[in-house]
Protein backbone atom coordinates (compact mmCIF):
# COMPACT_ATOMS: atom_id res chain seq x y z
CA MET A 1 0.00 0.00 0.00
CA ALA A 2 1.22 3.50 -0.84
CA ARG A 3 2.79 5.55 1.94
CA LEU A 4 0.83 8.68 1.06
CA LYS A 5 -2.47 6.77 1.01
CA ASP A 6 -1.83 5.39 4.52
CA GLU A 7 -0.94 8.88 5.72
CA TYR A 8 -4.12 10.27 4.14
CA ALA A 9 -6.33 7.77 5.95
CA SER A 10 -4.62 8.06 9.33
CA ARG A 11 -3.45 11.68 9.62
CA MET A 12 -4.91 13.87 6.89
CA VAL A 13 -8.62 13.01 7.18
CA PRO A 14 -8.94 14.03 10.88
CA GLU A 15 -6.81 17.13 10.22
CA LEU A 16 -8.95 18.18 7.26
CA GLU A 17 -12.17 17.55 9.23
CA LYS A 18 -11.01 20.09 11.82
CA LYS A 19 -9.73 22.66 9.30
CA LEU A 20 -12.82 22.53 7.08
CA GLY A 21 -15.31 22.20 9.94
CA THR A 22 -17.04 19.03 8.75
CA THR A 23 -18.34 16.33 11.07
CA ASN A 24 -18.74 13.65 8.41
CA LYS A 25 -15.48 12.17 7.15
CA MET A 26 -17.15 11.34 3.81
CA LEU A 27 -17.33 15.11 3.15
CA VAL A 28 -13.55 15.46 3.49
CA PRO A 29 -12.00 16.06 0.04
CA ARG A 30 -10.07 13.16 -1.46
CA LEU A 31 -7.94 12.65 -4.51
CA GLN A 32 -9.96 10.99 -7.29
CA LYS A 33 -7.48 10.86 -10.16
CA ILE A 34 -4.34 12.42 -11.58
CA VAL A 35 -4.15 13.18 -15.31
CA VAL A 36 -0.68 13.56 -16.83
CA ASN A 37 -0.67 15.19 -20.28
CA MET A 38 2.37 15.59 -22.53
CA ALA A 39 1.99 17.49 -25.80
CA PHE A 40 4.97 16.93 -28.07
CA GLY A 41 3.68 18.38 -31.34
CA ILE A 42 4.98 17.21 -34.68
CA VAL A 43 8.00 14.99 -34.09
CA SER A 44 9.55 12.01 -35.85
CA LYS A 45 8.40 8.48 -35.06
CA ASP A 46 11.60 7.78 -33.10
CA GLU A 47 11.20 10.88 -30.90
CA GLN A 48 7.52 10.08 -30.44
CA LYS A 49 8.34 6.53 -29.31
CA GLN A 50 11.02 7.85 -26.93
CA LEU A 51 8.62 10.39 -25.37
CA VAL A 52 5.88 7.77 -24.97
CA ASP A 53 8.39 5.38 -23.36
CA GLU A 54 9.52 8.13 -20.97
CA LEU A 55 5.91 8.93 -20.00
CA THR A 56 5.33 5.20 -19.44
CA ALA A 57 8.41 5.04 -17.18
CA ILE A 58 7.30 8.10 -15.19
CA THR A 59 3.70 7.00 -14.62
CA GLY A 60 3.97 3.21 -14.71
CA GLN A 61 1.09 3.03 -17.16
CA LYS A 62 0.84 2.99 -20.96
CA PRO A 63 -0.31 6.40 -22.27
CA PHE A 64 -3.23 7.11 -24.59
CA LEU A 65 -2.05 8.75 -27.82
CA CYS A 66 -3.83 12.02 -28.70
CA LYS A 67 -4.33 12.71 -32.39
CA ALA A 68 -5.02 15.94 -34.28
CA LYS A 69 -8.71 16.52 -34.98
CA LYS A 70 -8.19 18.93 -37.86
CA SER A 71 -5.61 19.57 -40.56
CA ILE A 72 -3.77 22.92 -40.33
CA SER A 73 -1.59 23.55 -43.36
CA ASN A 74 0.42 26.42 -41.82
CA PHE A 75 1.68 24.07 -39.09
CA LYS A 76 2.13 21.11 -41.48
CA LEU A 77 -0.40 19.25 -39.34
CA ARG A 78 -2.63 16.56 -40.81
CA GLU A 79 -5.77 15.09 -39.31
CA GLY A 80 -4.96 11.91 -37.38
CA MET A 81 -1.30 12.73 -36.66
CA VAL A 82 -0.18 11.91 -33.12
CA ILE A 83 0.59 15.19 -31.30
CA GLY A 84 0.50 14.17 -27.63
CA ALA A 85 -0.09 11.52 -25.01
CA LYS A 86 -1.96 11.38 -21.73
CA VAL A 87 -2.33 9.04 -18.78
CA THR A 88 -5.12 8.92 -16.20
CA LEU A 89 -3.90 7.48 -12.90
CA ARG A 90 -6.25 6.09 -10.27
CA GLY A 91 -5.88 3.94 -7.16
CA GLU A 92 -2.44 2.76 -6.06
CA ARG A 93 -0.60 4.18 -9.09
CA MET A 94 -2.15 7.59 -8.42
CA TRP A 95 -0.95 7.64 -4.79
CA GLU A 96 2.53 6.37 -5.75
CA PHE A 97 2.86 9.02 -8.47
CA ALA A 98 1.68 11.83 -6.17
CA ASP A 99 4.17 10.74 -3.51
CA ARG A 100 7.08 10.61 -5.99
CA LEU A 101 6.12 13.97 -7.51
CA ILE A 102 5.84 15.81 -4.19
CA SER A 103 8.72 14.25 -2.29
CA VAL A 104 11.28 13.50 -5.03
CA ALA A 105 10.65 15.22 -8.38
CA LEU A 106 9.61 18.77 -7.39
CA PRO A 107 12.61 19.31 -5.06
CA ARG A 108 14.91 18.42 -7.99
CA ILE A 109 13.81 21.50 -9.97
CA ARG A 110 16.58 24.07 -10.17
CA ASP A 111 15.84 27.31 -8.23
CA PHE A 112 12.52 25.89 -7.04
CA ARG A 113 10.45 28.29 -4.95
CA GLY A 114 7.19 26.36 -4.81
CA VAL A 115 4.36 25.64 -7.21
CA SER A 116 1.99 28.37 -8.35
CA ASN A 117 -1.16 29.24 -6.41
CA ARG A 118 -2.94 30.07 -9.68
CA GLY A 119 -3.54 26.52 -10.93
CA PHE A 120 -6.96 26.09 -9.32
CA ASP A 121 -10.00 25.99 -11.62
CA GLY A 122 -12.75 26.91 -9.15
CA ARG A 123 -14.20 23.39 -9.09
CA GLY A 124 -11.71 21.70 -6.78
CA ASN A 125 -9.05 20.73 -9.32
CA TYR A 126 -5.43 21.85 -9.52
CA THR A 127 -3.21 21.86 -12.62
CA LEU A 128 0.56 22.06 -12.43
CA GLY A 129 2.78 22.67 -15.45
CA LEU A 130 6.35 21.35 -15.63
CA LYS A 131 8.77 22.79 -18.19
CA GLU A 132 10.84 19.63 -18.37
CA HIS A 133 10.07 16.06 -17.50
CA SER A 134 13.67 15.04 -16.80
CA ILE A 135 13.22 15.86 -13.08
CA PHE A 136 11.78 12.40 -12.47
CA PRO A 137 14.37 9.91 -11.18
CA GLU A 138 12.98 7.11 -13.40
CA LEU A 139 14.57 8.72 -16.44
CA LEU A 140 18.23 8.51 -17.28
CA GLU A 141 20.31 11.60 -16.62
CA THR A 142 21.13 11.70 -20.35
CA CYS A 143 17.47 12.34 -21.19
CA PRO A 144 17.10 15.55 -23.23
CA ALA A 145 14.84 18.05 -21.44
CA HIS A 146 12.85 19.14 -24.46
CA SER A 147 9.31 18.38 -23.44
CA GLY A 148 7.17 19.46 -20.52
CA MET A 149 3.93 18.13 -19.12
CA ASP A 150 0.75 19.18 -17.37
CA ILE A 151 -0.35 17.34 -14.24
CA THR A 152 -3.95 17.75 -13.06
CA PHE A 153 -5.07 16.71 -9.58
CA VAL A 154 -8.82 15.99 -9.63
CA THR A 155 -10.37 16.03 -6.15
CA SER A 156 -13.84 15.41 -4.74
CA SER A 157 -14.11 18.96 -3.38
CA ASN A 158 -16.14 21.63 -5.13
CA ASP A 159 -14.06 24.68 -4.21
CA ASN A 160 -10.47 25.90 -4.31
CA LYS A 161 -10.10 26.25 -0.53
CA ALA A 162 -10.80 22.57 0.24
CA CYS A 163 -8.62 21.44 -2.67
CA LYS A 164 -5.72 23.59 -1.49
CA GLU A 165 -6.07 22.29 2.08
CA LEU A 166 -5.94 18.71 0.78
CA LEU A 167 -2.84 19.37 -1.34
CA ASN A 168 -1.19 21.29 1.52
CA SER A 169 -1.73 18.37 3.87
CA MET A 170 -0.22 16.04 1.25
CA GLY A 171 2.90 18.21 1.28
CA MET A 172 2.50 20.13 -1.99
CA PRO A 173 5.03 23.00 -1.77
CA PHE A 174 3.01 26.08 -2.73
CA ALA A 175 4.77 29.40 -3.32
CA GLY A 176 4.79 31.89 -0.45
CA ARG A 177 2.30 34.46 -1.70
CA ASN A 178 -1.32 33.97 -2.79
């Protein structure tokens, strides 16, 4: 069982009940899924395979390939070309990924001062953008840092305050100012 999941059940739920003023522990916000999206644009088949393999190594799950819906001649884009990949993590893989992201990957970012407070969408979800995916220890140090990714935390809460309290209790390092 994931370390962060055990900590959520034992420590975070009672803490969040007090902070949010709920008496029912079923009303405490919980993490439902994490969506990892990597857009790599128009690349060669070899680069595409390498990026998909790296996303698989990071998440532990095979990604879904996203294809272009329309042709755009100015960008040399044709309908049906693969332009990205995404993974939806749930259950044990979700908790393992969140733990590795918060405790290992984010501290490896150079000149890191915390994640932005602006990533909340008003419905209890938080999106974090990474400029390079080579911060994950699963990748070789020789990995070129040419592609970033978006990571979305989907929670059961309906507002930003409860979502931020959940992520704070998980150890998400938010930047100092609001």
